[in-house]
PDB file of N, CA and C in Angstrom:
ATOM      1  N   MET A   1       0.824  -1.195   0.000  1.00  0.00           N
ATOM      2  CA  MET A   1       0.000   0.000   0.000  1.00  0.00           C
ATOM      3  C   MET A   1       0.866   1.256   0.000  1.00  0.00           C
ATOM      4  N   GLY A   2       2.021   1.199   0.664  1.00  0.00           N
ATOM      5  CA  GLY A   2       2.915   2.337   0.692  1.00  0.00           C
ATOM      6  C   GLY A   2       3.557   2.598  -0.654  1.00  0.00           C
ATOM      7  N   ASN A   3       3.638   1.581  -1.513  1.00  0.00           N
ATOM      8  CA  ASN A   3       4.216   1.759  -2.838  1.00  0.00           C
ATOM      9  C   ASN A   3       3.189   2.188  -3.867  1.00  0.00           C
ATOM     10  N   ASP A   4       1.944   2.262  -3.482  1.00  0.00           N
ATOM     11  CA  ASP A   4       0.870   2.662  -4.388  1.00  0.00           C
ATOM     12  C   ASP A   4       1.137   4.078  -4.890  1.00  0.00           C
ATOM     13  N   ALA A   5       0.864   4.331  -6.197  1.00  0.00           N
ATOM     14  CA  ALA A   5       1.139   5.634  -6.806  1.00  0.00           C
ATOM     15  C   ALA A   5       0.435   6.767  -6.078  1.00  0.00           C
ATOM     16  N   THR A   6      -0.728   6.513  -5.509  1.00  0.00           N
ATOM     17  CA  THR A   6      -1.461   7.582  -4.830  1.00  0.00           C
ATOM     18  C   THR A   6      -0.790   7.973  -3.520  1.00  0.00           C
ATOM     19  N   HIS A   7       0.074   7.111  -2.978  1.00  0.00           N
ATOM     20  CA  HIS A   7       0.727   7.429  -1.719  1.00  0.00           C
ATOM     21  C   HIS A   7       2.124   8.012  -1.923  1.00  0.00           C
ATOM     22  N   ARG A   8       2.665   7.934  -3.128  1.00  0.00           N
ATOM     23  CA  ARG A   8       3.991   8.486  -3.380  1.00  0.00           C
ATOM     24  C   ARG A   8       3.978  10.006  -3.398  1.00  0.00           C
ATOM     25  N   HIS A   9       2.909  10.587  -3.864  1.00  0.00           N
ATOM     26  CA  HIS A   9       2.814  12.041  -3.950  1.00  0.00           C
ATOM     27  C   HIS A   9       1.502  12.476  -3.312  1.00  0.00           C
ATOM     28  N   ASP A  10       1.589  13.472  -2.477  1.00  0.00           N
ATOM     29  CA  ASP A  10       0.339  14.029  -1.971  1.00  0.00           C
ATOM     30  C   ASP A  10       0.034  15.306  -2.748  1.00  0.00           C
ATOM     31  N   ALA A  11      -1.082  15.926  -2.471  1.00  0.00           N
ATOM     32  CA  ALA A  11      -1.530  17.095  -3.229  1.00  0.00           C
ATOM     33  C   ALA A  11      -0.531  18.247  -3.139  1.00  0.00           C
ATOM     34  N   ALA A  12       0.243  18.286  -2.086  1.00  0.00           N
ATOM     35  CA  ALA A  12       1.173  19.396  -1.905  1.00  0.00           C
ATOM     36  C   ALA A  12       2.444  19.232  -2.738  1.00  0.00           C
ATOM     37  N   THR A  13       2.775  18.007  -3.129  1.00  0.00           N
ATOM     38  CA  THR A  13       4.032  17.803  -3.839  1.00  0.00           C
ATOM     39  C   THR A  13       3.875  17.312  -5.262  1.00  0.00           C
ATOM     40  N   TRP A  14       2.698  16.808  -5.651  1.00  0.00           N
ATOM     41  CA  TRP A  14       2.527  16.251  -6.991  1.00  0.00           C
ATOM     42  C   TRP A  14       2.518  17.357  -8.029  1.00  0.00           C
ATOM     43  N   SER A  15       3.175  17.112  -9.137  1.00  0.00           N
ATOM     44  CA  SER A  15       3.200  18.060 -10.243  1.00  0.00           C
ATOM     45  C   SER A  15       3.038  17.292 -11.540  1.00  0.00           C
ATOM     46  N   PRO A  16       2.286  17.817 -12.497  1.00  0.00           N
ATOM     47  CA  PRO A  16       2.171  17.136 -13.786  1.00  0.00           C
ATOM     48  C   PRO A  16       3.518  17.023 -14.492  1.00  0.00           C
ATOM     49  N   LEU A  17       4.456  17.876 -14.137  1.00  0.00           N
ATOM     50  CA  LEU A  17       5.780  17.826 -14.744  1.00  0.00           C
ATOM     51  C   LEU A  17       6.553  16.573 -14.344  1.00  0.00           C
ATOM     52  N   ASP A  18       6.073  15.868 -13.319  1.00  0.00           N
ATOM     53  CA  ASP A  18       6.682  14.608 -12.897  1.00  0.00           C
ATOM     54  C   ASP A  18       6.182  13.432 -13.719  1.00  0.00           C
ATOM     55  N   SER A  19       5.305  13.689 -14.674  1.00  0.00           N
ATOM     56  CA  SER A  19       4.610  12.628 -15.386  1.00  0.00           C
ATOM     57  C   SER A  19       4.963  12.617 -16.866  1.00  0.00           C
ATOM     58  N   ASP A  20       5.225  11.407 -17.398  1.00  0.00           N
ATOM     59  CA  ASP A  20       5.413  11.268 -18.840  1.00  0.00           C
ATOM     60  C   ASP A  20       4.120  11.595 -19.581  1.00  0.00           C
ATOM     61  N   ASP A  21       2.973  11.326 -18.948  1.00  0.00           N
ATOM     62  CA  ASP A  21       1.685  11.627 -19.573  1.00  0.00           C
ATOM     63  C   ASP A  21       1.550  13.116 -19.889  1.00  0.00           C
ATOM     64  N   TRP A  22       2.101  13.965 -19.035  1.00  0.00           N
ATOM     65  CA  TRP A  22       2.011  15.397 -19.291  1.00  0.00           C
ATOM     66  C   TRP A  22       2.731  15.746 -20.591  1.00  0.00           C
ATOM     67  N   TYR A  23       3.930  15.231 -20.771  1.00  0.00           N
ATOM     68  CA  TYR A  23       4.703  15.554 -21.967  1.00  0.00           C
ATOM     69  C   TYR A  23       4.071  14.954 -23.219  1.00  0.00           C
ATOM     70  N   THR A  24       3.510  13.758 -23.100  1.00  0.00           N
ATOM     71  CA  THR A  24       2.808  13.141 -24.221  1.00  0.00           C
ATOM     72  C   THR A  24       1.597  13.986 -24.608  1.00  0.00           C
ATOM     73  N   THR A  25       0.856  14.441 -23.621  1.00  0.00           N
ATOM     74  CA  THR A  25      -0.329  15.262 -23.861  1.00  0.00           C
ATOM     75  C   THR A  25       0.053  16.609 -24.459  1.00  0.00           C
ATOM     76  N   ARG A  26       1.083  17.209 -23.926  1.00  0.00           N
ATOM     77  CA  ARG A  26       1.527  18.503 -24.447  1.00  0.00           C
ATOM     78  C   ARG A  26       1.993  18.372 -25.900  1.00  0.00           C
ATOM     79  N   ASN A  27       2.730  17.309 -26.208  1.00  0.00           N
ATOM     80  CA  ASN A  27       3.202  17.104 -27.578  1.00  0.00           C
ATOM     81  C   ASN A  27       2.047  16.849 -28.542  1.00  0.00           C
ATOM     82  N   ALA A  28       1.047  16.100 -28.099  1.00  0.00           N
ATOM     83  CA  ALA A  28      -0.125  15.847 -28.941  1.00  0.00           C
ATOM     84  C   ALA A  28      -0.894  17.142 -29.191  1.00  0.00           C
ATOM     85  N   THR A  29      -1.007  17.970 -28.172  1.00  0.00           N
ATOM     86  CA  THR A  29      -1.700  19.250 -28.314  1.00  0.00           C
ATOM     87  C   THR A  29      -0.947  20.167 -29.268  1.00  0.00           C
ATOM     88  N   THR A  30       0.368  20.160 -29.170  1.00  0.00           N
ATOM     89  CA  THR A  30       1.191  20.970 -30.070  1.00  0.00           C
ATOM     90  C   THR A  30       1.053  20.497 -31.513  1.00  0.00           C
ATOM     91  N   ALA A  31       1.037  19.182 -31.725  1.00  0.00           N
ATOM     92  CA  ALA A  31       0.873  18.642 -33.077  1.00  0.00           C
ATOM     93  C   ALA A  31      -0.485  19.043 -33.652  1.00  0.00           C
ATOM     94  N   LEU A  32      -1.526  18.972 -32.829  1.00  0.00           N
ATOM     95  CA  LEU A  32      -2.861  19.379 -33.285  1.00  0.00           C
ATOM     96  C   LEU A  32      -2.897  20.874 -33.565  1.00  0.00           C
ATOM     97  N   ARG A  33      -2.291  21.662 -32.701  1.00  0.00           N
ATOM     98  CA  ARG A  33      -2.226  23.108 -32.920  1.00  0.00           C
ATOM     99  C   ARG A  33      -1.550  23.436 -34.252  1.00  0.00           C
ATOM    100  N   ASP A  34      -0.435  22.757 -34.538  1.00  0.00           N
ATOM    101  CA  ASP A  34       0.287  23.008 -35.784  1.00  0.00           C
ATOM    102  C   ASP A  34      -0.560  22.640 -37.005  1.00  0.00           C
ATOM    103  N   ALA A  35      -1.299  21.538 -36.919  1.00  0.00           N
ATOM    104  CA  ALA A  35      -2.179  21.144 -38.030  1.00  0.00           C
ATOM    105  C   ALA A  35      -3.304  22.157 -38.209  1.00  0.00           C
ATOM    106  N   LEU A  36      -3.856  22.653 -37.108  1.00  0.00           N
ATOM    107  CA  LEU A  36      -4.916  23.666 -37.197  1.00  0.00           C
ATOM    108  C   LEU A  36      -4.381  24.974 -37.776  1.00  0.00           C
ATOM    109  N   LEU A  37      -3.149  25.328 -37.420  1.00  0.00           N
ATOM    110  CA  LEU A  37      -2.518  26.513 -38.011  1.00  0.00           C
ATOM    111  C   LEU A  37      -2.376  26.349 -39.516  1.00  0.00           C
ATOM    112  N   SER A  38      -1.931  25.175 -39.953  1.00  0.00           N
ATOM    113  CA  SER A  38      -1.765  24.909 -41.383  1.00  0.00           C
ATOM    114  C   SER A  38      -3.089  24.994 -42.130  1.00  0.00           C
ATOM    115  N   ALA A  39      -4.169  24.636 -41.454  1.00  0.00           N
ATOM    116  CA  ALA A  39      -5.495  24.675 -42.076  1.00  0.00           C
ATOM    117  C   ALA A  39      -6.170  26.041 -41.941  1.00  0.00           C
ATOM    118  N   GLY A  40      -5.482  26.982 -41.296  1.00  0.00           N
ATOM    119  CA  GLY A  40      -6.064  28.311 -41.118  1.00  0.00           C
ATOM    120  C   GLY A  40      -7.143  28.359 -40.052  1.00  0.00           C
ATOM    121  N   LEU A  41      -7.103  27.415 -39.103  1.00  0.00           N
ATOM    122  CA  LEU A  41      -8.139  27.336 -38.070  1.00  0.00           C
ATOM    123  C   LEU A  41      -7.645  27.766 -36.685  1.00  0.00           C
ATOM    124  N   GLU A  42      -6.567  28.521 -36.639  1.00  0.00           N
ATOM    125  CA  GLU A  42      -5.979  28.853 -35.341  1.00  0.00           C
ATOM    126  C   GLU A  42      -6.901  29.672 -34.443  1.00  0.00           C
ATOM    127  N   LYS A  43      -7.783  30.456 -35.006  1.00  0.00           N
ATOM    128  CA  LYS A  43      -8.683  31.276 -34.179  1.00  0.00           C
ATOM    129  C   LYS A  43     -10.006  30.569 -33.893  1.00  0.00           C
ATOM    130  N   ASP A  44     -10.199  29.392 -34.483  1.00  0.00           N
ATOM    131  CA  ASP A  44     -11.466  28.677 -34.342  1.00  0.00           C
ATOM    132  C   ASP A  44     -11.477  27.682 -33.178  1.00  0.00           C
ATOM    133  N   PHE A  45     -10.337  27.492 -32.531  1.00  0.00           N
ATOM    134  CA  PHE A  45     -10.238  26.572 -31.395  1.00  0.00           C
ATOM    135  C   PHE A  45      -9.636  27.308 -30.199  1.00  0.00           C
ATOM    136  N   PRO A  46     -10.358  28.303 -29.647  1.00  0.00           N
ATOM    137  CA  PRO A  46      -9.786  29.118 -28.580  1.00  0.00           C
ATOM    138  C   PRO A  46      -9.570  28.360 -27.268  1.00  0.00           C
ATOM    139  N   TYR A  47     -10.191  27.211 -27.119  1.00  0.00           N
ATOM    140  CA  TYR A  47     -10.066  26.460 -25.863  1.00  0.00           C
ATOM    141  C   TYR A  47      -9.046  25.331 -25.934  1.00  0.00           C
ATOM    142  N   LEU A  48      -8.333  25.199 -27.037  1.00  0.00           N
ATOM    143  CA  LEU A  48      -7.370  24.112 -27.198  1.00  0.00           C
ATOM    144  C   LEU A  48      -6.275  24.235 -26.143  1.00  0.00           C
ATOM    145  N   ARG A  49      -6.082  23.152 -25.381  1.00  0.00           N
ATOM    146  CA  ARG A  49      -5.030  23.145 -24.353  1.00  0.00           C
ATOM    147  C   ARG A  49      -4.763  21.725 -23.872  1.00  0.00           C
ATOM    148  N   ALA A  50      -3.595  21.539 -23.314  1.00  0.00           N
ATOM    149  CA  ALA A  50      -3.214  20.277 -22.686  1.00  0.00           C
ATOM    150  C   ALA A  50      -3.607  20.362 -21.216  1.00  0.00           C
ATOM    151  N   GLU A  51      -4.181  19.282 -20.695  1.00  0.00           N
ATOM    152  CA  GLU A  51      -4.604  19.265 -19.294  1.00  0.00           C
ATOM    153  C   GLU A  51      -4.297  17.910 -18.670  1.00  0.00           C
ATOM    154  N   MET A  52      -4.309  17.865 -17.373  1.00  0.00           N
ATOM    155  CA  MET A  52      -4.210  16.617 -16.612  1.00  0.00           C
ATOM    156  C   MET A  52      -5.428  16.555 -15.704  1.00  0.00           C
ATOM    157  N   ASN A  53      -6.058  15.375 -15.627  1.00  0.00           N
ATOM    158  CA  ASN A  53      -7.189  15.265 -14.711  1.00  0.00           C
ATOM    159  C   ASN A  53      -6.689  14.881 -13.315  1.00  0.00           C
ATOM    160  N   ALA A  54      -7.601  14.719 -12.391  1.00  0.00           N
ATOM    161  CA  ALA A  54      -7.238  14.435 -11.009  1.00  0.00           C
ATOM    162  C   ALA A  54      -6.547  13.087 -10.844  1.00  0.00           C
ATOM    163  N   PHE A  55      -6.660  12.206 -11.835  1.00  0.00           N
ATOM    164  CA  PHE A  55      -6.036  10.896 -11.775  1.00  0.00           C
ATOM    165  C   PHE A  55      -4.684  10.870 -12.485  1.00  0.00           C
ATOM    166  N   GLY A  56      -4.239  12.025 -12.956  1.00  0.00           N
ATOM    167  CA  GLY A  56      -2.957  12.115 -13.633  1.00  0.00           C
ATOM    168  C   GLY A  56      -2.992  11.683 -15.087  1.00  0.00           C
ATOM    169  N   GLN A  57      -4.198  11.588 -15.661  1.00  0.00           N
ATOM    170  CA  GLN A  57      -4.321  11.226 -17.075  1.00  0.00           C
ATOM    171  C   GLN A  57      -4.286  12.500 -17.912  1.00  0.00           C
ATOM    172  N   GLY A  58      -3.508  12.452 -18.985  1.00  0.00           N
ATOM    173  CA  GLY A  58      -3.434  13.599 -19.874  1.00  0.00           C
ATOM    174  C   GLY A  58      -4.641  13.671 -20.784  1.00  0.00           C
ATOM    175  N   LEU A  59      -5.126  14.878 -21.005  1.00  0.00           N
ATOM    176  CA  LEU A  59      -6.277  15.112 -21.877  1.00  0.00           C
ATOM    177  C   LEU A  59      -6.002  16.315 -22.765  1.00  0.00           C
ATOM    178  N   VAL A  60      -6.418  16.226 -24.014  1.00  0.00           N
ATOM    179  CA  VAL A  60      -6.349  17.365 -24.918  1.00  0.00           C
ATOM    180  C   VAL A  60      -7.740  17.980 -24.953  1.00  0.00           C
ATOM    181  N   GLU A  61      -7.841  19.199 -24.481  1.00  0.00           N
ATOM    182  CA  GLU A  61      -9.116  19.914 -24.438  1.00  0.00           C
ATOM    183  C   GLU A  61      -9.296  20.658 -25.753  1.00  0.00           C
ATOM    184  N   LEU A  62     -10.339  20.311 -26.501  1.00  0.00           N
ATOM    185  CA  LEU A  62     -10.635  21.014 -27.752  1.00  0.00           C
ATOM    186  C   LEU A  62     -11.596  22.166 -27.511  1.00  0.00           C
ATOM    187  N   GLY A  63     -12.510  22.004 -26.579  1.00  0.00           N
ATOM    188  CA  GLY A  63     -13.469  23.047 -26.271  1.00  0.00           C
ATOM    189  C   GLY A  63     -14.598  23.134 -27.277  1.00  0.00           C
ATOM    190  N   ARG A  64     -15.392  24.165 -27.115  1.00  0.00           N
ATOM    191  CA  ARG A  64     -16.541  24.389 -28.004  1.00  0.00           C
ATOM    192  C   ARG A  64     -16.078  25.064 -29.282  1.00  0.00           C
ATOM    193  N   ILE A  65     -16.745  24.701 -30.380  1.00  0.00           N
ATOM    194  CA  ILE A  65     -16.464  25.338 -31.663  1.00  0.00           C
ATOM    195  C   ILE A  65     -17.790  25.693 -32.330  1.00  0.00           C
ATOM    196  N   SER A  66     -17.735  26.605 -33.263  1.00  0.00           N
ATOM    197  CA  SER A  66     -18.953  27.017 -33.961  1.00  0.00           C
ATOM    198  C   SER A  66     -19.370  25.935 -34.951  1.00  0.00           C
ATOM    199  N   PRO A  67     -20.642  25.940 -35.358  1.00  0.00           N
ATOM    200  CA  PRO A  67     -21.085  24.987 -36.373  1.00  0.00           C
ATOM    201  C   PRO A  67     -20.283  25.106 -37.671  1.00  0.00           C
ATOM    202  N   ALA A  68     -19.933  26.312 -38.067  1.00  0.00           N
ATOM    203  CA  ALA A  68     -19.149  26.505 -39.290  1.00  0.00           C
ATOM    204  C   ALA A  68     -17.771  25.858 -39.156  1.00  0.00           C
ATOM    205  N   THR A  69     -17.161  25.983 -37.975  1.00  0.00           N
ATOM    206  CA  THR A  69     -15.860  25.359 -37.747  1.00  0.00           C
ATOM    207  C   THR A  69     -15.992  23.841 -37.760  1.00  0.00           C
ATOM    208  N   ALA A  70     -17.056  23.322 -37.174  1.00  0.00           N
ATOM    209  CA  ALA A  70     -17.288  21.868 -37.174  1.00  0.00           C
ATOM    210  C   ALA A  70     -17.438  21.352 -38.606  1.00  0.00           C
ATOM    211  N   GLU A  71     -18.164  22.090 -39.438  1.00  0.00           N
ATOM    212  CA  GLU A  71     -18.322  21.694 -40.843  1.00  0.00           C
ATOM    213  C   GLU A  71     -16.990  21.720 -41.576  1.00  0.00           C
ATOM    214  N   ARG A  72     -16.192  22.745 -41.322  1.00  0.00           N
ATOM    215  CA  ARG A  72     -14.880  22.835 -41.980  1.00  0.00           C
ATOM    216  C   ARG A  72     -13.965  21.707 -41.529  1.00  0.00           C
ATOM    217  N   LEU A  73     -13.965  21.404 -40.242  1.00  0.00           N
ATOM    218  CA  LEU A  73     -13.157  20.307 -39.722  1.00  0.00           C
ATOM    219  C   LEU A  73     -13.611  18.976 -40.309  1.00  0.00           C
ATOM    220  N   ALA A  74     -14.907  18.773 -40.407  1.00  0.00           N
ATOM    221  CA  ALA A  74     -15.438  17.538 -40.998  1.00  0.00           C
ATOM    222  C   ALA A  74     -15.000  17.412 -42.457  1.00  0.00           C
ATOM    223  N   GLU A  75     -15.032  18.511 -43.197  1.00  0.00           N
ATOM    224  CA  GLU A  75     -14.609  18.487 -44.597  1.00  0.00           C
ATOM    225  C   GLU A  75     -13.117  18.173 -44.717  1.00  0.00           C
ATOM    226  N   LEU A  76     -12.304  18.755 -43.843  1.00  0.00           N
ATOM    227  CA  LEU A  76     -10.868  18.465 -43.855  1.00  0.00           C
ATOM    228  C   LEU A  76     -10.597  16.988 -43.564  1.00  0.00           C
ATOM    229  N   LEU A  77     -11.337  16.415 -42.629  1.00  0.00           N
ATOM    230  CA  LEU A  77     -11.176  14.989 -42.315  1.00  0.00           C
ATOM    231  C   LEU A  77     -11.611  14.122 -43.487  1.00  0.00           C
ATOM    232  N   ARG A  78     -12.727  14.486 -44.129  1.00  0.00           N
ATOM    233  CA  ARG A  78     -13.175  13.729 -45.309  1.00  0.00           C
ATOM    234  C   ARG A  78     -12.131  13.780 -46.417  1.00  0.00           C
ATOM    235  N   LEU A  79     -11.565  14.953 -46.673  1.00  0.00           N
ATOM    236  CA  LEU A  79     -10.537  15.101 -47.703  1.00  0.00           C
ATOM    237  C   LEU A  79      -9.296  14.278 -47.370  1.00  0.00           C
ATOM    238  N   ALA A  80      -8.891  14.306 -46.110  1.00  0.00           N
ATOM    239  CA  ALA A  80      -7.710  13.538 -45.692  1.00  0.00           C
ATOM    240  C   ALA A  80      -7.949  12.044 -45.840  1.00  0.00           C
ATOM    241  N   LEU A  81      -9.127  11.575 -45.459  1.00  0.00           N
ATOM    242  CA  LEU A  81      -9.446  10.153 -45.599  1.00  0.00           C
ATOM    243  C   LEU A  81      -9.487   9.740 -47.061  1.00  0.00           C
ATOM    244  N   THR A  82     -10.085  10.567 -47.889  1.00  0.00           N
ATOM    245  CA  THR A  82     -10.160  10.276 -49.321  1.00  0.00           C
ATOM    246  C   THR A  82      -8.760  10.223 -49.929  1.00  0.00           C
ATOM    247  N   ALA A  83      -7.920  11.184 -49.578  1.00  0.00           N
ATOM    248  CA  ALA A  83      -6.550  11.211 -50.102  1.00  0.00           C
ATOM    249  C   ALA A  83      -5.768   9.989 -49.633  1.00  0.00           C
ATOM    250  N   GLY A  84      -5.952   9.601 -48.389  1.00  0.00           N
ATOM    251  CA  GLY A  84      -5.253   8.426 -47.856  1.00  0.00           C
ATOM    252  C   GLY A  84      -5.689   7.148 -48.557  1.00  0.00           C
ATOM    253  N   LEU A  85      -6.985   6.985 -48.778  1.00  0.00           N
ATOM    254  CA  LEU A  85      -7.485   5.796 -49.471  1.00  0.00           C
ATOM    255  C   LEU A  85      -7.029   5.778 -50.922  1.00  0.00           C
ATOM    256  N   ARG A  86      -7.010   6.938 -51.556  1.00  0.00           N
ATOM    257  CA  ARG A  86      -6.554   7.017 -52.947  1.00  0.00           C
ATOM    258  C   ARG A  86      -5.079   6.628 -53.042  1.00  0.00           C
ATOM    259  N   ARG A  87      -4.277   7.081 -52.092  1.00  0.00           N
ATOM    260  CA  ARG A  87      -2.858   6.742 -52.074  1.00  0.00           C
ATOM    261  C   ARG A  87      -2.661   5.240 -51.888  1.00  0.00           C
ATOM    262  N   LEU A  88      -3.480   4.625 -51.034  1.00  0.00           N
ATOM    263  CA  LEU A  88      -3.409   3.171 -50.847  1.00  0.00           C
ATOM    264  C   LEU A  88      -3.763   2.435 -52.130  1.00  0.00           C
ATOM    265  N   GLU A  89      -4.804   2.885 -52.799  1.00  0.00           N
ATOM    266  CA  GLU A  89      -5.217   2.252 -54.053  1.00  0.00           C
ATOM    267  C   GLU A  89      -4.131   2.364 -55.117  1.00  0.00           C
ATOM    268  N   GLU A  90      -3.501   3.520 -55.202  1.00  0.00           N
ATOM    269  CA  GLU A  90      -2.449   3.734 -56.190  1.00  0.00           C
ATOM    270  C   GLU A  90      -1.220   2.878 -55.912  1.00  0.00           C
ATOM    271  N   SER A  91      -0.961   2.621 -54.640  1.00  0.00           N
ATOM    272  CA  SER A  91       0.206   1.810 -54.295  1.00  0.00           C
ATOM    273  C   SER A  91      -0.088   0.319 -54.388  1.00  0.00           C
ATOM    274  N   GLY A  92      -1.347  -0.044 -54.578  1.00  0.00           N
ATOM    275  CA  GLY A  92      -1.732  -1.451 -54.678  1.00  0.00           C
ATOM    276  C   GLY A  92      -1.916  -2.126 -53.330  1.00  0.00           C
ATOM    277  N   ALA A  93      -1.824  -1.360 -52.255  1.00  0.00           N
ATOM    278  CA  ALA A  93      -1.997  -1.933 -50.912  1.00  0.00           C
ATOM    279  C   ALA A  93      -3.480  -2.117 -50.622  1.00  0.00           C
ATOM    280  N   GLU A  94      -3.773  -3.066 -49.776  1.00  0.00           N
ATOM    281  CA  GLU A  94      -5.159  -3.298 -49.366  1.00  0.00           C
ATOM    282  C   GLU A  94      -5.561  -2.233 -48.354  1.00  0.00           C
ATOM    283  N   PRO A  95      -6.704  -1.591 -48.542  1.00  0.00           N
ATOM    284  CA  PRO A  95      -7.151  -0.604 -47.549  1.00  0.00           C
ATOM    285  C   PRO A  95      -7.515  -1.301 -46.239  1.00  0.00           C
ATOM    286  N   PRO A  96      -7.286  -0.620 -45.126  1.00  0.00           N
ATOM    287  CA  PRO A  96      -7.654  -1.221 -43.837  1.00  0.00           C
ATOM    288  C   PRO A  96      -9.152  -1.380 -43.725  1.00  0.00           C
ATOM    289  N   GLU A  97      -9.564  -2.394 -42.988  1.00  0.00           N
ATOM    290  CA  GLU A  97     -11.001  -2.615 -42.783  1.00  0.00           C
ATOM    291  C   GLU A  97     -11.538  -1.532 -41.859  1.00  0.00           C
ATOM    292  N   HIS A  98     -12.709  -1.071 -42.194  1.00  0.00           N
ATOM    293  CA  HIS A  98     -13.369  -0.098 -41.317  1.00  0.00           C
ATOM    294  C   HIS A  98     -14.202  -0.904 -40.327  1.00  0.00           C
ATOM    295  N   ARG A  99     -13.968  -0.667 -39.058  1.00  0.00           N
ATOM    296  CA  ARG A  99     -14.581  -1.488 -38.030  1.00  0.00           C
ATOM    297  C   ARG A  99     -15.583  -0.688 -37.219  1.00  0.00           C
ATOM    298  N   ARG A 100     -16.485  -0.008 -37.849  1.00  0.00           N
ATOM    299  CA  ARG A 100     -17.478   0.778 -37.107  1.00  0.00           C
ATOM    300  C   ARG A 100     -18.349  -0.133 -36.281  1.00  0.00           C
ATOM    301  N   GLY A 101     -18.357   0.126 -34.977  1.00  0.00           N
ATOM    302  CA  GLY A 101     -19.234  -0.617 -34.086  1.00  0.00           C
ATOM    303  C   GLY A 101     -18.830  -2.063 -33.853  1.00  0.00           C
ATOM    304  N   LYS A 102     -17.603  -2.459 -34.236  1.00  0.00           N
ATOM    305  CA  LYS A 102     -17.184  -3.853 -34.056  1.00  0.00           C
ATOM    306  C   LYS A 102     -16.033  -3.970 -33.067  1.00  0.00           C
ATOM    307  N   ASP A 103     -16.002  -3.135 -32.058  1.00  0.00           N
ATOM    308  CA  ASP A 103     -14.910  -3.180 -31.087  1.00  0.00           C
ATOM    309  C   ASP A 103     -15.181  -4.111 -29.986  1.00  0.00           C
TER     310      ASP A 103
END
């Protein structure tokens, strides 16, 4: 029980900087930020940030977005998926199976 992760750090000494999850979360948030910048969506995600919850799990907060931003993001994802599938077809590789609802 003394070796349990919850007993190693109390609220006064625990820091997200002590966690690999923090750096993983921060790097993922930075990668998403860079992609949004490339797409011209930097002002459309004002709540984007890296966070840690009370259990020390890293989370990327996207926040609320406008319907127009949601439509643009959906279109970008559709274009990326189409381009990826087209590239697979051109290379002769088998496309991955889509497993909607089969987890």
